[in-house]
PDB file of N, CA and C in Angstrom:
ATOM      1  N   UNK A   1       0.817  -1.196   0.000  1.00  0.00           N
ATOM      2  CA  UNK A   1       0.000   0.000   0.000  1.00  0.00           C
ATOM      3  C   UNK A   1       0.856   1.253   0.000  1.00  0.00           C
ATOM      4  N   UNK A   2       1.956   1.243   0.765  1.00  0.00           N
ATOM      5  CA  UNK A   2       2.844   2.403   0.805  1.00  0.00           C
ATOM      6  C   UNK A   2       3.451   2.659  -0.563  1.00  0.00           C
ATOM      7  N   UNK A   3       3.739   1.578  -1.298  1.00  0.00           N
ATOM      8  CA  UNK A   3       4.335   1.734  -2.623  1.00  0.00           C
ATOM      9  C   UNK A   3       3.337   2.404  -3.576  1.00  0.00           C
ATOM     10  N   UNK A   4       2.073   2.010  -3.509  1.00  0.00           N
ATOM     11  CA  UNK A   4       1.050   2.616  -4.358  1.00  0.00           C
ATOM     12  C   UNK A   4       0.893   4.092  -4.024  1.00  0.00           C
ATOM     13  N   UNK A   5       0.882   4.412  -2.736  1.00  0.00           N
ATOM     14  CA  UNK A   5       0.771   5.801  -2.308  1.00  0.00           C
ATOM     15  C   UNK A   5       1.953   6.613  -2.812  1.00  0.00           C
ATOM     16  N   UNK A   6       3.143   6.075  -2.734  1.00  0.00           N
ATOM     17  CA  UNK A   6       4.339   6.773  -3.201  1.00  0.00           C
ATOM     18  C   UNK A   6       4.290   6.989  -4.710  1.00  0.00           C
ATOM     19  N   UNK A   7       3.824   5.981  -5.446  1.00  0.00           N
ATOM     20  CA  UNK A   7       3.716   6.119  -6.900  1.00  0.00           C
ATOM     21  C   UNK A   7       2.686   7.186  -7.254  1.00  0.00           C
ATOM     22  N   UNK A   8       1.548   7.154  -6.574  1.00  0.00           N
ATOM     23  CA  UNK A   8       0.515   8.161  -6.819  1.00  0.00           C
ATOM     24  C   UNK A   8       1.037   9.562  -6.518  1.00  0.00           C
ATOM     25  N   UNK A   9       1.742   9.722  -5.421  1.00  0.00           N
ATOM     26  CA  UNK A   9       2.301  11.027  -5.053  1.00  0.00           C
ATOM     27  C   UNK A   9       3.294  11.511  -6.105  1.00  0.00           C
ATOM     28  N   UNK A  10       4.128  10.597  -6.600  1.00  0.00           N
ATOM     29  CA  UNK A  10       5.105  10.971  -7.622  1.00  0.00           C
ATOM     30  C   UNK A  10       4.416  11.384  -8.923  1.00  0.00           C
ATOM     31  N   UNK A  11       3.403  10.630  -9.329  1.00  0.00           N
ATOM     32  CA  UNK A  11       2.669  10.983 -10.550  1.00  0.00           C
ATOM     33  C   UNK A  11       1.919  12.297 -10.391  1.00  0.00           C
ATOM     34  N   UNK A  12       1.330  12.508  -9.233  1.00  0.00           N
ATOM     35  CA  UNK A  12       0.623  13.765  -8.981  1.00  0.00           C
ATOM     36  C   UNK A  12       1.560  14.951  -9.048  1.00  0.00           C
ATOM     37  N   UNK A  13       2.743  14.792  -8.475  1.00  0.00           N
ATOM     38  CA  UNK A  13       3.728  15.877  -8.503  1.00  0.00           C
ATOM     39  C   UNK A  13       4.205  16.146  -9.920  1.00  0.00           C
ATOM     40  N   UNK A  14       4.369  15.070 -10.694  1.00  0.00           N
ATOM     41  CA  UNK A  14       4.887  15.225 -12.055  1.00  0.00           C
ATOM     42  C   UNK A  14       3.847  15.782 -13.017  1.00  0.00           C
ATOM     43  N   UNK A  15       2.608  15.336 -12.898  1.00  0.00           N
ATOM     44  CA  UNK A  15       1.608  15.700 -13.893  1.00  0.00           C
ATOM     45  C   UNK A  15       0.480  16.579 -13.362  1.00  0.00           C
ATOM     46  N   UNK A  16       0.299  16.635 -12.073  1.00  0.00           N
ATOM     47  CA  UNK A  16      -0.818  17.375 -11.490  1.00  0.00           C
ATOM     48  C   UNK A  16      -0.869  18.826 -11.896  1.00  0.00           C
ATOM     49  N   UNK A  17       0.236  19.518 -11.814  1.00  0.00           N
ATOM     50  CA  UNK A  17       0.228  20.944 -12.140  1.00  0.00           C
ATOM     51  C   UNK A  17       0.010  21.175 -13.622  1.00  0.00           C
ATOM     52  N   UNK A  18       0.474  20.266 -14.483  1.00  0.00           N
ATOM     53  CA  UNK A  18       0.267  20.419 -15.924  1.00  0.00           C
ATOM     54  C   UNK A  18      -1.213  20.322 -16.262  1.00  0.00           C
ATOM     55  N   UNK A  19      -1.898  19.373 -15.655  1.00  0.00           N
ATOM     56  CA  UNK A  19      -3.324  19.236 -15.919  1.00  0.00           C
ATOM     57  C   UNK A  19      -4.121  20.348 -15.257  1.00  0.00           C
ATOM     58  N   UNK A  20      -3.760  20.729 -14.067  1.00  0.00           N
ATOM     59  CA  UNK A  20      -4.477  21.782 -13.361  1.00  0.00           C
ATOM     60  C   UNK A  20      -4.425  23.092 -14.127  1.00  0.00           C
ATOM     61  N   UNK A  21      -3.320  23.391 -14.762  1.00  0.00           N
ATOM     62  CA  UNK A  21      -3.206  24.649 -15.484  1.00  0.00           C
ATOM     63  C   UNK A  21      -4.002  24.633 -16.779  1.00  0.00           C
ATOM     64  N   UNK A  22      -4.423  23.456 -17.258  1.00  0.00           N
ATOM     65  CA  UNK A  22      -5.197  23.392 -18.492  1.00  0.00           C
ATOM     66  C   UNK A  22      -6.699  23.507 -18.237  1.00  0.00           C
ATOM     67  N   UNK A  23      -7.125  23.480 -16.993  1.00  0.00           N
ATOM     68  CA  UNK A  23      -8.544  23.627 -16.662  1.00  0.00           C
ATOM     69  C   UNK A  23      -8.854  25.108 -16.506  1.00  0.00           C
ATOM     70  N   UNK A  24      -9.825  25.558 -17.273  1.00  0.00           N
ATOM     71  CA  UNK A  24     -10.237  26.962 -17.238  1.00  0.00           C
ATOM     72  C   UNK A  24     -11.511  27.079 -16.418  1.00  0.00           C
ATOM     73  N   UNK A  25     -11.548  27.997 -15.492  1.00  0.00           N
ATOM     74  CA  UNK A  25     -12.738  28.276 -14.693  1.00  0.00           C
ATOM     75  C   UNK A  25     -13.237  27.014 -13.978  1.00  0.00           C
ATOM     76  N   UNK A  26     -12.334  26.277 -13.365  1.00  0.00           N
ATOM     77  CA  UNK A  26     -12.681  25.027 -12.695  1.00  0.00           C
ATOM     78  C   UNK A  26     -13.608  25.177 -11.509  1.00  0.00           C
ATOM     79  N   UNK A  27     -13.668  26.343 -10.905  1.00  0.00           N
ATOM     80  CA  UNK A  27     -14.574  26.573  -9.784  1.00  0.00           C
ATOM     81  C   UNK A  27     -15.860  27.249 -10.198  1.00  0.00           C
ATOM     82  N   UNK A  28     -15.994  27.526 -11.506  1.00  0.00           N
ATOM     83  CA  UNK A  28     -17.185  28.156 -12.075  1.00  0.00           C
ATOM     84  C   UNK A  28     -17.459  29.533 -11.492  1.00  0.00           C
ATOM     85  N   UNK A  29     -16.429  30.184 -11.006  1.00  0.00           N
ATOM     86  CA  UNK A  29     -16.581  31.510 -10.415  1.00  0.00           C
ATOM     87  C   UNK A  29     -16.504  32.622 -11.458  1.00  0.00           C
ATOM     88  N   UNK A  30     -16.022  32.316 -12.666  1.00  0.00           N
ATOM     89  CA  UNK A  30     -15.839  33.349 -13.686  1.00  0.00           C
ATOM     90  C   UNK A  30     -17.128  33.646 -14.445  1.00  0.00           C
ATOM     91  N   UNK A  31     -18.193  32.947 -14.165  1.00  0.00           N
ATOM     92  CA  UNK A  31     -19.482  33.199 -14.822  1.00  0.00           C
ATOM     93  C   UNK A  31     -20.454  33.738 -13.784  1.00  0.00           C
ATOM     94  N   UNK A  32     -20.241  34.973 -13.355  1.00  0.00           N
ATOM     95  CA  UNK A  32     -21.107  35.499 -12.300  1.00  0.00           C
ATOM     96  C   UNK A  32     -22.533  35.690 -12.804  1.00  0.00           C
ATOM     97  N   UNK A  33     -23.469  35.448 -11.925  1.00  0.00           N
ATOM     98  CA  UNK A  33     -24.868  35.685 -12.233  1.00  0.00           C
ATOM     99  C   UNK A  33     -25.192  37.129 -11.903  1.00  0.00           C
ATOM    100  N   UNK A  34     -26.261  37.622 -12.456  1.00  0.00           N
ATOM    101  CA  UNK A  34     -26.700  38.977 -12.147  1.00  0.00           C
ATOM    102  C   UNK A  34     -27.105  39.056 -10.678  1.00  0.00           C
ATOM    103  N   UNK A  35     -27.021  40.234 -10.066  1.00  0.00           N
ATOM    104  CA  UNK A  35     -27.451  40.371  -8.671  1.00  0.00           C
ATOM    105  C   UNK A  35     -28.893  39.882  -8.517  1.00  0.00           C
ATOM    106  N   UNK A  36     -29.124  39.076  -7.508  1.00  0.00           N
ATOM    107  CA  UNK A  36     -30.455  38.535  -7.263  1.00  0.00           C
ATOM    108  C   UNK A  36     -30.776  37.295  -8.079  1.00  0.00           C
ATOM    109  N   UNK A  37     -29.937  36.957  -9.044  1.00  0.00           N
ATOM    110  CA  UNK A  37     -30.147  35.763  -9.865  1.00  0.00           C
ATOM    111  C   UNK A  37     -29.454  34.581  -9.189  1.00  0.00           C
ATOM    112  N   UNK A  38     -30.152  33.463  -9.047  1.00  0.00           N
ATOM    113  CA  UNK A  38     -29.575  32.318  -8.358  1.00  0.00           C
ATOM    114  C   UNK A  38     -29.243  31.154  -9.271  1.00  0.00           C
ATOM    115  N   UNK A  39     -29.759  31.165 -10.497  1.00  0.00           N
ATOM    116  CA  UNK A  39     -29.532  30.029 -11.376  1.00  0.00           C
ATOM    117  C   UNK A  39     -29.595  30.492 -12.836  1.00  0.00           C
ATOM    118  N   UNK A  40     -28.732  29.931 -13.668  1.00  0.00           N
ATOM    119  CA  UNK A  40     -28.750  30.206 -15.104  1.00  0.00           C
ATOM    120  C   UNK A  40     -28.546  28.890 -15.839  1.00  0.00           C
ATOM    121  N   UNK A  41     -29.398  28.638 -16.826  1.00  0.00           N
ATOM    122  CA  UNK A  41     -29.354  27.392 -17.593  1.00  0.00           C
ATOM    123  C   UNK A  41     -28.596  27.620 -18.892  1.00  0.00           C
ATOM    124  N   UNK A  42     -27.713  26.684 -19.221  1.00  0.00           N
ATOM    125  CA  UNK A  42     -26.999  26.674 -20.498  1.00  0.00           C
ATOM    126  C   UNK A  42     -27.356  25.381 -21.216  1.00  0.00           C
ATOM    127  N   UNK A  43     -27.885  25.507 -22.426  1.00  0.00           N
ATOM    128  CA  UNK A  43     -28.322  24.349 -23.206  1.00  0.00           C
ATOM    129  C   UNK A  43     -27.238  23.890 -24.163  1.00  0.00           C
ATOM    130  N   UNK A  44     -27.450  22.706 -24.757  1.00  0.00           N
ATOM    131  CA  UNK A  44     -26.500  22.135 -25.702  1.00  0.00           C
ATOM    132  C   UNK A  44     -26.121  23.176 -26.763  1.00  0.00           C
ATOM    133  N   UNK A  45     -24.822  23.301 -26.993  1.00  0.00           N
ATOM    134  CA  UNK A  45     -24.304  24.258 -27.960  1.00  0.00           C
ATOM    135  C   UNK A  45     -23.935  25.597 -27.358  1.00  0.00           C
ATOM    136  N   UNK A  46     -24.440  25.896 -26.183  1.00  0.00           N
ATOM    137  CA  UNK A  46     -24.094  27.144 -25.501  1.00  0.00           C
ATOM    138  C   UNK A  46     -22.858  26.908 -24.640  1.00  0.00           C
ATOM    139  N   UNK A  47     -22.228  27.990 -24.244  1.00  0.00           N
ATOM    140  CA  UNK A  47     -21.050  27.854 -23.415  1.00  0.00           C
ATOM    141  C   UNK A  47     -20.919  28.994 -22.428  1.00  0.00           C
ATOM    142  N   UNK A  48     -20.024  28.814 -21.507  1.00  0.00           N
ATOM    143  CA  UNK A  48     -19.660  29.844 -20.548  1.00  0.00           C
ATOM    144  C   UNK A  48     -18.182  29.716 -20.300  1.00  0.00           C
ATOM    145  N   UNK A  49     -17.570  30.714 -19.796  1.00  0.00           N
ATOM    146  CA  UNK A  49     -16.122  30.878 -19.668  1.00  0.00           C
ATOM    147  C   UNK A  49     -15.338  29.566 -19.536  1.00  0.00           C
ATOM    148  N   UNK A  50     -14.821  29.061 -20.661  1.00  0.00           N
ATOM    149  CA  UNK A  50     -13.975  27.879 -20.663  1.00  0.00           C
ATOM    150  C   UNK A  50     -14.703  26.561 -20.867  1.00  0.00           C
ATOM    151  N   UNK A  51     -16.020  26.561 -20.932  1.00  0.00           N
ATOM    152  CA  UNK A  51     -16.801  25.327 -21.016  1.00  0.00           C
ATOM    153  C   UNK A  51     -17.831  25.426 -22.136  1.00  0.00           C
ATOM    154  N   UNK A  52     -18.150  24.287 -22.752  1.00  0.00           N
ATOM    155  CA  UNK A  52     -19.197  24.200 -23.774  1.00  0.00           C
ATOM    156  C   UNK A  52     -20.099  23.023 -23.439  1.00  0.00           C
ATOM    157  N   UNK A  53     -21.402  23.234 -23.499  1.00  0.00           N
ATOM    158  CA  UNK A  53     -22.367  22.168 -23.231  1.00  0.00           C
ATOM    159  C   UNK A  53     -22.512  21.353 -24.507  1.00  0.00           C
ATOM    160  N   UNK A  54     -22.186  20.061 -24.453  1.00  0.00           N
ATOM    161  CA  UNK A  54     -22.212  19.217 -25.643  1.00  0.00           C
ATOM    162  C   UNK A  54     -23.456  18.349 -25.735  1.00  0.00           C
ATOM    163  N   UNK A  55     -24.223  18.243 -24.649  1.00  0.00           N
ATOM    164  CA  UNK A  55     -25.436  17.438 -24.672  1.00  0.00           C
ATOM    165  C   UNK A  55     -26.301  17.842 -23.482  1.00  0.00           C
ATOM    166  N   UNK A  56     -27.601  17.867 -23.654  1.00  0.00           N
ATOM    167  CA  UNK A  56     -28.490  18.212 -22.546  1.00  0.00           C
ATOM    168  C   UNK A  56     -28.330  19.664 -22.131  1.00  0.00           C
ATOM    169  N   UNK A  57     -28.284  19.904 -20.835  1.00  0.00           N
ATOM    170  CA  UNK A  57     -28.100  21.254 -20.311  1.00  0.00           C
ATOM    171  C   UNK A  57     -27.374  21.184 -18.968  1.00  0.00           C
ATOM    172  N   UNK A  58     -26.807  22.301 -18.563  1.00  0.00           N
ATOM    173  CA  UNK A  58     -26.200  22.438 -17.239  1.00  0.00           C
ATOM    174  C   UNK A  58     -26.681  23.752 -16.640  1.00  0.00           C
ATOM    175  N   UNK A  59     -26.542  23.870 -15.339  1.00  0.00           N
ATOM    176  CA  UNK A  59     -26.940  25.087 -14.648  1.00  0.00           C
ATOM    177  C   UNK A  59     -25.784  25.595 -13.801  1.00  0.00           C
ATOM    178  N   UNK A  60     -25.539  26.887 -13.861  1.00  0.00           N
ATOM    179  CA  UNK A  60     -24.654  27.538 -12.898  1.00  0.00           C
ATOM    180  C   UNK A  60     -25.564  28.010 -11.774  1.00  0.00           C
ATOM    181  N   UNK A  61     -25.229  27.641 -10.539  1.00  0.00           N
ATOM    182  CA  UNK A  61     -26.096  27.915  -9.399  1.00  0.00           C
ATOM    183  C   UNK A  61     -25.321  28.697  -8.347  1.00  0.00           C
ATOM    184  N   UNK A  62     -25.953  29.718  -7.802  1.00  0.00           N
ATOM    185  CA  UNK A  62     -25.357  30.492  -6.706  1.00  0.00           C
ATOM    186  C   UNK A  62     -25.627  29.773  -5.391  1.00  0.00           C
ATOM    187  N   UNK A  63     -24.617  29.707  -4.559  1.00  0.00           N
ATOM    188  CA  UNK A  63     -24.744  29.115  -3.240  1.00  0.00           C
ATOM    189  C   UNK A  63     -25.889  29.793  -2.485  1.00  0.00           C
ATOM    190  N   UNK A  64     -26.692  29.008  -1.809  1.00  0.00           N
ATOM    191  CA  UNK A  64     -27.838  29.544  -1.085  1.00  0.00           C
ATOM    192  C   UNK A  64     -29.143  29.407  -1.848  1.00  0.00           C
ATOM    193  N   UNK A  65     -29.091  28.862  -3.072  1.00  0.00           N
ATOM    194  CA  UNK A  65     -30.293  28.623  -3.863  1.00  0.00           C
ATOM    195  C   UNK A  65     -31.196  27.653  -3.112  1.00  0.00           C
ATOM    196  N   UNK A  66     -32.480  27.974  -3.026  1.00  0.00           N
ATOM    197  CA  UNK A  66     -33.432  27.129  -2.308  1.00  0.00           C
ATOM    198  C   UNK A  66     -34.473  26.603  -3.289  1.00  0.00           C
ATOM    199  N   UNK A  67     -34.653  25.283  -3.290  1.00  0.00           N
ATOM    200  CA  UNK A  67     -35.647  24.643  -4.135  1.00  0.00           C
ATOM    201  C   UNK A  67     -36.350  23.582  -3.310  1.00  0.00           C
ATOM    202  N   UNK A  68     -37.668  23.660  -3.240  1.00  0.00           N
ATOM    203  CA  UNK A  68     -38.482  22.729  -2.460  1.00  0.00           C
ATOM    204  C   UNK A  68     -37.950  22.596  -1.035  1.00  0.00           C
ATOM    205  N   UNK A  69     -37.715  23.726  -0.418  1.00  0.00           N
ATOM    206  CA  UNK A  69     -37.261  23.841   0.981  1.00  0.00           C
ATOM    207  C   UNK A  69     -35.870  23.280   1.238  1.00  0.00           C
ATOM    208  N   UNK A  70     -35.091  23.015   0.188  1.00  0.00           N
ATOM    209  CA  UNK A  70     -33.720  22.537   0.343  1.00  0.00           C
ATOM    210  C   UNK A  70     -32.784  23.645  -0.140  1.00  0.00           C
ATOM    211  N   UNK A  71     -31.827  24.020   0.707  1.00  0.00           N
ATOM    212  CA  UNK A  71     -30.838  25.034   0.356  1.00  0.00           C
ATOM    213  C   UNK A  71     -29.589  24.353  -0.189  1.00  0.00           C
ATOM    214  N   UNK A  72     -29.131  24.808  -1.352  1.00  0.00           N
ATOM    215  CA  UNK A  72     -27.959  24.225  -1.984  1.00  0.00           C
ATOM    216  C   UNK A  72     -26.754  25.144  -1.766  1.00  0.00           C
ATOM    217  N   UNK A  73     -25.623  24.563  -1.412  1.00  0.00           N
ATOM    218  CA  UNK A  73     -24.436  25.323  -1.065  1.00  0.00           C
ATOM    219  C   UNK A  73     -23.232  24.812  -1.841  1.00  0.00           C
ATOM    220  N   UNK A  74     -22.449  25.731  -2.379  1.00  0.00           N
ATOM    221  CA  UNK A  74     -21.215  25.366  -3.068  1.00  0.00           C
ATOM    222  C   UNK A  74     -20.203  24.852  -2.051  1.00  0.00           C
ATOM    223  N   UNK A  75     -19.421  23.874  -2.456  1.00  0.00           N
ATOM    224  CA  UNK A  75     -18.380  23.349  -1.581  1.00  0.00           C
ATOM    225  C   UNK A  75     -17.285  24.385  -1.387  1.00  0.00           C
ATOM    226  N   UNK A  76     -17.035  25.161  -2.448  1.00  0.00           N
ATOM    227  CA  UNK A  76     -15.980  26.174  -2.410  1.00  0.00           C
ATOM    228  C   UNK A  76     -16.440  27.346  -3.263  1.00  0.00           C
ATOM    229  N   UNK A  77     -16.201  28.545  -2.830  1.00  0.00           N
ATOM    230  CA  UNK A  77     -16.591  29.718  -3.600  1.00  0.00           C
ATOM    231  C   UNK A  77     -18.083  29.998  -3.515  1.00  0.00           C
ATOM    232  N   UNK A  78     -18.577  30.791  -4.471  1.00  0.00           N
ATOM    233  CA  UNK A  78     -19.981  31.212  -4.442  1.00  0.00           C
ATOM    234  C   UNK A  78     -20.865  30.421  -5.398  1.00  0.00           C
ATOM    235  N   UNK A  79     -20.279  29.840  -6.448  1.00  0.00           N
ATOM    236  CA  UNK A  79     -21.071  29.167  -7.481  1.00  0.00           C
ATOM    237  C   UNK A  79     -20.709  27.692  -7.601  1.00  0.00           C
ATOM    238  N   UNK A  80     -21.644  26.918  -8.157  1.00  0.00           N
ATOM    239  CA  UNK A  80     -21.357  25.523  -8.509  1.00  0.00           C
ATOM    240  C   UNK A  80     -22.158  25.188  -9.756  1.00  0.00           C
ATOM    241  N   UNK A  81     -21.850  24.045 -10.359  1.00  0.00           N
ATOM    242  CA  UNK A  81     -22.538  23.630 -11.578  1.00  0.00           C
ATOM    243  C   UNK A  81     -23.374  22.385 -11.299  1.00  0.00           C
ATOM    244  N   UNK A  82     -24.591  22.381 -11.827  1.00  0.00           N
ATOM    245  CA  UNK A  82     -25.456  21.202 -11.807  1.00  0.00           C
ATOM    246  C   UNK A  82     -25.339  20.594 -13.198  1.00  0.00           C
ATOM    247  N   UNK A  83     -24.630  19.481 -13.319  1.00  0.00           N
ATOM    248  CA  UNK A  83     -24.363  18.909 -14.640  1.00  0.00           C
ATOM    249  C   UNK A  83     -25.575  18.209 -15.247  1.00  0.00           C
ATOM    250  N   UNK A  84     -26.615  17.945 -14.467  1.00  0.00           N
ATOM    251  CA  UNK A  84     -27.831  17.337 -15.022  1.00  0.00           C
ATOM    252  C   UNK A  84     -28.727  18.388 -15.657  1.00  0.00           C
ATOM    253  N   UNK A  85     -28.663  19.612 -15.157  1.00  0.00           N
ATOM    254  CA  UNK A  85     -29.469  20.690 -15.711  1.00  0.00           C
ATOM    255  C   UNK A  85     -30.942  20.340 -15.784  1.00  0.00           C
ATOM    256  N   UNK A  86     -31.601  20.851 -16.832  1.00  0.00           N
ATOM    257  CA  UNK A  86     -33.014  20.560 -17.040  1.00  0.00           C
ATOM    258  C   UNK A  86     -33.208  19.271 -17.820  1.00  0.00           C
ATOM    259  N   UNK A  87     -32.165  18.897 -18.584  1.00  0.00           N
ATOM    260  CA  UNK A  87     -32.212  17.643 -19.336  1.00  0.00           C
ATOM    261  C   UNK A  87     -30.825  17.017 -19.317  1.00  0.00           C
ATOM    262  N   UNK A  88     -30.749  15.807 -18.797  1.00  0.00           N
ATOM    263  CA  UNK A  88     -29.456  15.130 -18.680  1.00  0.00           C
ATOM    264  C   UNK A  88     -28.871  14.854 -20.062  1.00  0.00           C
ATOM    265  N   UNK A  89     -27.537  14.979 -20.142  1.00  0.00           N
ATOM    266  CA  UNK A  89     -26.851  14.723 -21.417  1.00  0.00           C
ATOM    267  C   UNK A  89     -26.299  13.333 -21.474  1.00  0.00           C
TER     268      UNK A  89
END
């Protein structure tokens, strides 16, 4: 197990930063919603900063969005993406 952990750590160190730098807007914070807006839908063919929807739809959601008495919160930052959207791809 220690050997696997060491190999994973070595690969992460070697390739992790290269892949991380190729991800654009990974926290979805670069697509701010209008003040008071909590959700925006992007359909197939549409895009937002660094991303393109290739099937179905996705939603950018502001932390604190409430739907059917459930409050949704981003793990990090103010926004998150719902990859199922209104129609799963």
